[in-house]
Amino acid sequence: MTVRAVVQRVRRAEVRVGSETVGRIGTGFVVLVGVEQGDGEADAAYIADKVVGLRVFEDGAGKMNLGLHAVGGGVLVVSQFTLLGDCRKGRRPSFTASAPPERAEILYLQVAERIAAAGVPVATGRFRAEMAVELVNDGPVTLLLESRRLF
């Protein structure tokens, strides 16, 4: 069991549902969140705290040493159950490990709320909606976070 998140450092990003823009940020992170069966509040808190504390923005010397607060960054949090797709067997991913939608939505929102509570501007996608996410990946820098490792 593990909340899984893909974090992308971005120059800007937005998410649309149909023709409506439902979330937009400038510099910061796009965080795609997948929730597994059995995950709880501690998993959501771990991911949110890790996102807020990441120091992957370049300082004056060109080193990845600055965090969101230092660069005035925001976070676009988007639910993505396909992060838990198991592709080890066959040609179609299995999503049996994904949490039921009702539970996943609660934990996804807790991730966003905890990031916002740390003083970081947060935008979100729309849970269970067909979304178009547009971003300019900066670097590119892309990181995988897991609240617990199984191996």
C-alpha atoms as a PDB file:
ATOM      1  CA  MET A   1       0.000   0.000   0.000  1.00  0.00           C
ATOM      2  CA  THR A   2       1.375   3.328  -1.002  1.00  0.00           C
ATOM      3  CA  VAL A   3       0.164   6.698  -2.100  1.00  0.00           C
ATOM      4  CA  ARG A   4       2.187   7.298  -5.230  1.00  0.00           C
ATOM      5  CA  ALA A   5       2.911  10.729  -6.678  1.00  0.00           C
ATOM      6  CA  VAL A   6       4.750  11.921  -9.743  1.00  0.00           C
ATOM      7  CA  VAL A   7       6.174  15.407  -9.197  1.00  0.00           C
ATOM      8  CA  GLN A   8       7.149  17.513 -12.196  1.00  0.00           C
ATOM      9  CA  ARG A   9       8.934  20.828 -11.797  1.00  0.00           C
ATOM     10  CA  VAL A  10       7.166  23.238 -14.142  1.00  0.00           C
ATOM     11  CA  ARG A  11       7.398  26.760 -15.466  1.00  0.00           C
ATOM     12  CA  ARG A  12       3.611  26.796 -15.791  1.00  0.00           C
ATOM     13  CA  ALA A  13       0.721  24.349 -15.907  1.00  0.00           C
ATOM     14  CA  GLU A  14      -3.027  24.190 -16.210  1.00  0.00           C
ATOM     15  CA  VAL A  15      -5.753  21.592 -16.209  1.00  0.00           C
ATOM     16  CA  ARG A  16      -8.946  21.823 -18.223  1.00  0.00           C
ATOM     17  CA  VAL A  17     -12.221  19.955 -18.122  1.00  0.00           C
ATOM     18  CA  GLY A  18     -13.789  20.451 -21.513  1.00  0.00           C
ATOM     19  CA  SER A  19     -13.260  24.128 -22.352  1.00  0.00           C
ATOM     20  CA  GLU A  20     -13.117  25.211 -18.679  1.00  0.00           C
ATOM     21  CA  THR A  21      -9.758  25.810 -16.993  1.00  0.00           C
ATOM     22  CA  VAL A  22     -10.208  24.403 -13.473  1.00  0.00           C
ATOM     23  CA  GLY A  23      -6.658  24.905 -12.181  1.00  0.00           C
ATOM     24  CA  ARG A  24      -3.592  26.922 -13.161  1.00  0.00           C
ATOM     25  CA  ILE A  25      -0.166  27.689 -11.691  1.00  0.00           C
ATOM     26  CA  GLY A  26       3.027  29.426 -12.753  1.00  0.00           C
ATOM     27  CA  THR A  27       6.375  28.181 -11.455  1.00  0.00           C
ATOM     28  CA  GLY A  28       6.054  25.158  -9.191  1.00  0.00           C
ATOM     29  CA  PHE A  29       5.072  21.515  -9.282  1.00  0.00           C
ATOM     30  CA  VAL A  30       2.466  19.419 -11.007  1.00  0.00           C
ATOM     31  CA  VAL A  31       1.740  16.547  -8.640  1.00  0.00           C
ATOM     32  CA  LEU A  32      -0.114  13.538 -10.059  1.00  0.00           C
ATOM     33  CA  VAL A  33      -1.539  11.483  -7.166  1.00  0.00           C
ATOM     34  CA  GLY A  34      -2.575   7.816  -7.144  1.00  0.00           C
ATOM     35  CA  VAL A  35      -4.160   6.257  -4.051  1.00  0.00           C
ATOM     36  CA  GLU A  36      -3.969   2.537  -3.304  1.00  0.00           C
ATOM     37  CA  GLN A  37      -6.336   0.359  -1.292  1.00  0.00           C
ATOM     38  CA  GLY A  38      -5.514   0.567   2.401  1.00  0.00           C
ATOM     39  CA  ASP A  39      -3.888   3.994   2.217  1.00  0.00           C
ATOM     40  CA  GLY A  40      -4.652   6.432   5.002  1.00  0.00           C
ATOM     41  CA  GLU A  41      -4.175   9.954   6.253  1.00  0.00           C
ATOM     42  CA  ALA A  42      -0.545   9.282   7.192  1.00  0.00           C
ATOM     43  CA  ASP A  43       0.225   8.410   3.552  1.00  0.00           C
ATOM     44  CA  ALA A  44      -1.410  11.614   2.293  1.00  0.00           C
ATOM     45  CA  ALA A  45       0.456  13.649   4.919  1.00  0.00           C
ATOM     46  CA  TYR A  46       3.784  12.087   3.968  1.00  0.00           C
ATOM     47  CA  ILE A  47       3.341  12.940   0.281  1.00  0.00           C
ATOM     48  CA  ALA A  48       2.174  16.494   0.994  1.00  0.00           C
ATOM     49  CA  ASP A  49       5.017  17.167   3.426  1.00  0.00           C
ATOM     50  CA  LYS A  50       7.581  15.742   1.018  1.00  0.00           C
ATOM     51  CA  VAL A  51       6.262  17.917  -1.845  1.00  0.00           C
ATOM     52  CA  VAL A  52       6.398  21.063   0.302  1.00  0.00           C
ATOM     53  CA  GLY A  53       9.930  20.254   1.450  1.00  0.00           C
ATOM     54  CA  LEU A  54      11.490  19.301  -1.889  1.00  0.00           C
ATOM     55  CA  ARG A  55      14.463  21.462  -2.804  1.00  0.00           C
ATOM     56  CA  VAL A  56      14.765  21.055  -6.556  1.00  0.00           C
ATOM     57  CA  PHE A  57      14.790  24.632  -7.842  1.00  0.00           C
ATOM     58  CA  GLU A  58      18.146  26.104  -8.825  1.00  0.00           C
ATOM     59  CA  ASP A  59      19.894  28.616  -6.620  1.00  0.00           C
ATOM     60  CA  GLY A  60      22.266  31.332  -7.854  1.00  0.00           C
ATOM     61  CA  ALA A  61      25.036  28.759  -8.311  1.00  0.00           C
ATOM     62  CA  GLY A  62      22.866  26.533 -10.503  1.00  0.00           C
ATOM     63  CA  LYS A  63      22.434  23.850  -7.800  1.00  0.00           C
ATOM     64  CA  MET A  64      19.053  22.300  -7.020  1.00  0.00           C
ATOM     65  CA  ASN A  65      18.831  23.801  -3.547  1.00  0.00           C
ATOM     66  CA  LEU A  66      15.629  25.866  -3.308  1.00  0.00           C
ATOM     67  CA  GLY A  67      12.107  24.861  -2.341  1.00  0.00           C
ATOM     68  CA  LEU A  68       8.662  26.123  -3.271  1.00  0.00           C
ATOM     69  CA  HIS A  69       8.620  28.908  -0.668  1.00  0.00           C
ATOM     70  CA  ALA A  70      11.970  30.283  -1.852  1.00  0.00           C
ATOM     71  CA  VAL A  71      10.806  30.603  -5.453  1.00  0.00           C
ATOM     72  CA  GLY A  72       7.203  31.622  -4.731  1.00  0.00           C
ATOM     73  CA  GLY A  73       5.985  28.441  -6.399  1.00  0.00           C
ATOM     74  CA  GLY A  74       2.577  26.823  -6.498  1.00  0.00           C
ATOM     75  CA  VAL A  75       1.339  23.257  -6.830  1.00  0.00           C
ATOM     76  CA  LEU A  76      -1.212  21.818  -9.240  1.00  0.00           C
ATOM     77  CA  VAL A  77      -2.519  18.567  -7.723  1.00  0.00           C
ATOM     78  CA  VAL A  78      -4.240  16.150 -10.102  1.00  0.00           C
ATOM     79  CA  SER A  79      -5.716  12.764  -9.196  1.00  0.00           C
ATOM     80  CA  GLN A  80      -4.439   9.985 -11.444  1.00  0.00           C
ATOM     81  CA  PHE A  81      -5.420   6.426 -10.543  1.00  0.00           C
ATOM     82  CA  THR A  82      -3.474   5.076 -13.525  1.00  0.00           C
ATOM     83  CA  LEU A  83      -0.257   5.600 -11.538  1.00  0.00           C
ATOM     84  CA  LEU A  84      -1.188   2.354  -9.806  1.00  0.00           C
ATOM     85  CA  GLY A  85      -1.624   0.410 -13.047  1.00  0.00           C
ATOM     86  CA  ASP A  86       0.173  -2.936 -12.848  1.00  0.00           C
ATOM     87  CA  CYS A  87       1.625  -3.796 -16.258  1.00  0.00           C
ATOM     88  CA  ARG A  88       3.603  -6.897 -15.270  1.00  0.00           C
ATOM     89  CA  LYS A  89       1.137  -9.356 -16.817  1.00  0.00           C
ATOM     90  CA  GLY A  90      -0.489  -9.202 -20.223  1.00  0.00           C
ATOM     91  CA  ARG A  91      -0.951  -6.131 -22.365  1.00  0.00           C
ATOM     92  CA  ARG A  92      -3.577  -4.247 -20.361  1.00  0.00           C
ATOM     93  CA  PRO A  93      -2.787  -2.671 -16.999  1.00  0.00           C
ATOM     94  CA  SER A  94      -4.600  -3.962 -13.938  1.00  0.00           C
ATOM     95  CA  PHE A  95      -6.005  -1.366 -11.577  1.00  0.00           C
ATOM     96  CA  THR A  96      -7.103  -3.730  -8.813  1.00  0.00           C
ATOM     97  CA  ALA A  97      -4.732  -2.079  -6.314  1.00  0.00           C
ATOM     98  CA  SER A  98      -6.354   1.355  -6.750  1.00  0.00           C
ATOM     99  CA  ALA A  99      -8.472   2.585  -3.865  1.00  0.00           C
ATOM    100  CA  PRO A 100     -12.226   2.891  -4.360  1.00  0.00           C
ATOM    101  CA  PRO A 101     -13.080   6.348  -5.758  1.00  0.00           C
ATOM    102  CA  GLU A 102     -14.746   7.546  -2.545  1.00  0.00           C
ATOM    103  CA  ARG A 103     -11.611   6.844  -0.492  1.00  0.00           C
ATOM    104  CA  ALA A 104      -9.204   8.031  -3.180  1.00  0.00           C
ATOM    105  CA  GLU A 105     -10.950  11.394  -3.445  1.00  0.00           C
ATOM    106  CA  ILE A 106     -10.702  11.999   0.294  1.00  0.00           C
ATOM    107  CA  LEU A 107      -6.963  11.287   0.381  1.00  0.00           C
ATOM    108  CA  TYR A 108      -6.249  13.194  -2.842  1.00  0.00           C
ATOM    109  CA  LEU A 109      -7.974  16.246  -1.353  1.00  0.00           C
ATOM    110  CA  GLN A 110      -6.043  15.793   1.904  1.00  0.00           C
ATOM    111  CA  VAL A 111      -2.785  15.994  -0.052  1.00  0.00           C
ATOM    112  CA  ALA A 112      -3.920  19.280  -1.639  1.00  0.00           C
ATOM    113  CA  GLU A 113      -5.251  20.683   1.653  1.00  0.00           C
ATOM    114  CA  ARG A 114      -2.075  19.874   3.566  1.00  0.00           C
ATOM    115  CA  ILE A 115       0.097  21.535   0.905  1.00  0.00           C
ATOM    116  CA  ALA A 116      -2.143  24.630   1.069  1.00  0.00           C
ATOM    117  CA  ALA A 117      -1.973  24.610   4.883  1.00  0.00           C
ATOM    118  CA  ALA A 118       1.829  24.907   4.553  1.00  0.00           C
ATOM    119  CA  GLY A 119       1.324  28.257   2.827  1.00  0.00           C
ATOM    120  CA  VAL A 120       1.797  27.078  -0.753  1.00  0.00           C
ATOM    121  CA  PRO A 121      -0.719  28.196  -3.410  1.00  0.00           C
ATOM    122  CA  VAL A 122      -2.610  25.113  -4.632  1.00  0.00           C
ATOM    123  CA  ALA A 123      -4.797  24.454  -7.645  1.00  0.00           C
ATOM    124  CA  THR A 124      -6.452  21.119  -8.397  1.00  0.00           C
ATOM    125  CA  GLY A 125      -7.968  19.148 -11.177  1.00  0.00           C
ATOM    126  CA  ARG A 126     -11.472  17.747 -10.923  1.00  0.00           C
ATOM    127  CA  PHE A 127     -11.737  14.281  -9.433  1.00  0.00           C
ATOM    128  CA  ARG A 128     -13.063  11.568 -11.822  1.00  0.00           C
ATOM    129  CA  ALA A 129     -13.293  14.047 -14.707  1.00  0.00           C
ATOM    130  CA  GLU A 130     -11.691  13.628 -18.113  1.00  0.00           C
ATOM    131  CA  MET A 131      -8.964  16.261 -17.865  1.00  0.00           C
ATOM    132  CA  ALA A 132      -6.421  17.809 -20.198  1.00  0.00           C
ATOM    133  CA  VAL A 133      -3.239  18.705 -18.321  1.00  0.00           C
ATOM    134  CA  GLU A 134      -0.891  21.091 -20.085  1.00  0.00           C
ATOM    135  CA  LEU A 135       2.511  21.884 -18.622  1.00  0.00           C
ATOM    136  CA  VAL A 136       5.961  23.143 -19.422  1.00  0.00           C
ATOM    137  CA  ASN A 137       8.328  20.805 -17.587  1.00  0.00           C
ATOM    138  CA  ASP A 138      11.313  22.735 -16.289  1.00  0.00           C
ATOM    139  CA  GLY A 139      14.639  20.933 -16.583  1.00  0.00           C
ATOM    140  CA  PRO A 140      13.060  18.480 -17.103  1.00  0.00           C
ATOM    141  CA  VAL A 141      12.806  17.458 -13.465  1.00  0.00           C
ATOM    142  CA  THR A 142      10.443  14.579 -12.703  1.00  0.00           C
ATOM    143  CA  LEU A 143      10.423  12.646  -9.412  1.00  0.00           C
ATOM    144  CA  LEU A 144       8.508   9.637  -8.102  1.00  0.00           C
ATOM    145  CA  LEU A 145       7.340   9.736  -4.483  1.00  0.00           C
ATOM    146  CA  GLU A 146       5.859   6.810  -2.589  1.00  0.00           C
ATOM    147  CA  SER A 147       4.555   6.925   0.961  1.00  0.00           C
ATOM    148  CA  ARG A 148       5.771   3.365   1.558  1.00  0.00           C
ATOM    149  CA  ARG A 149       8.007   1.082  -0.446  1.00  0.00           C
ATOM    150  CA  LEU A 150       6.975  -2.520  -0.951  1.00  0.00           C
ATOM    151  CA  PHE A 151      10.368  -3.800  -2.122  1.00  0.00           C
END
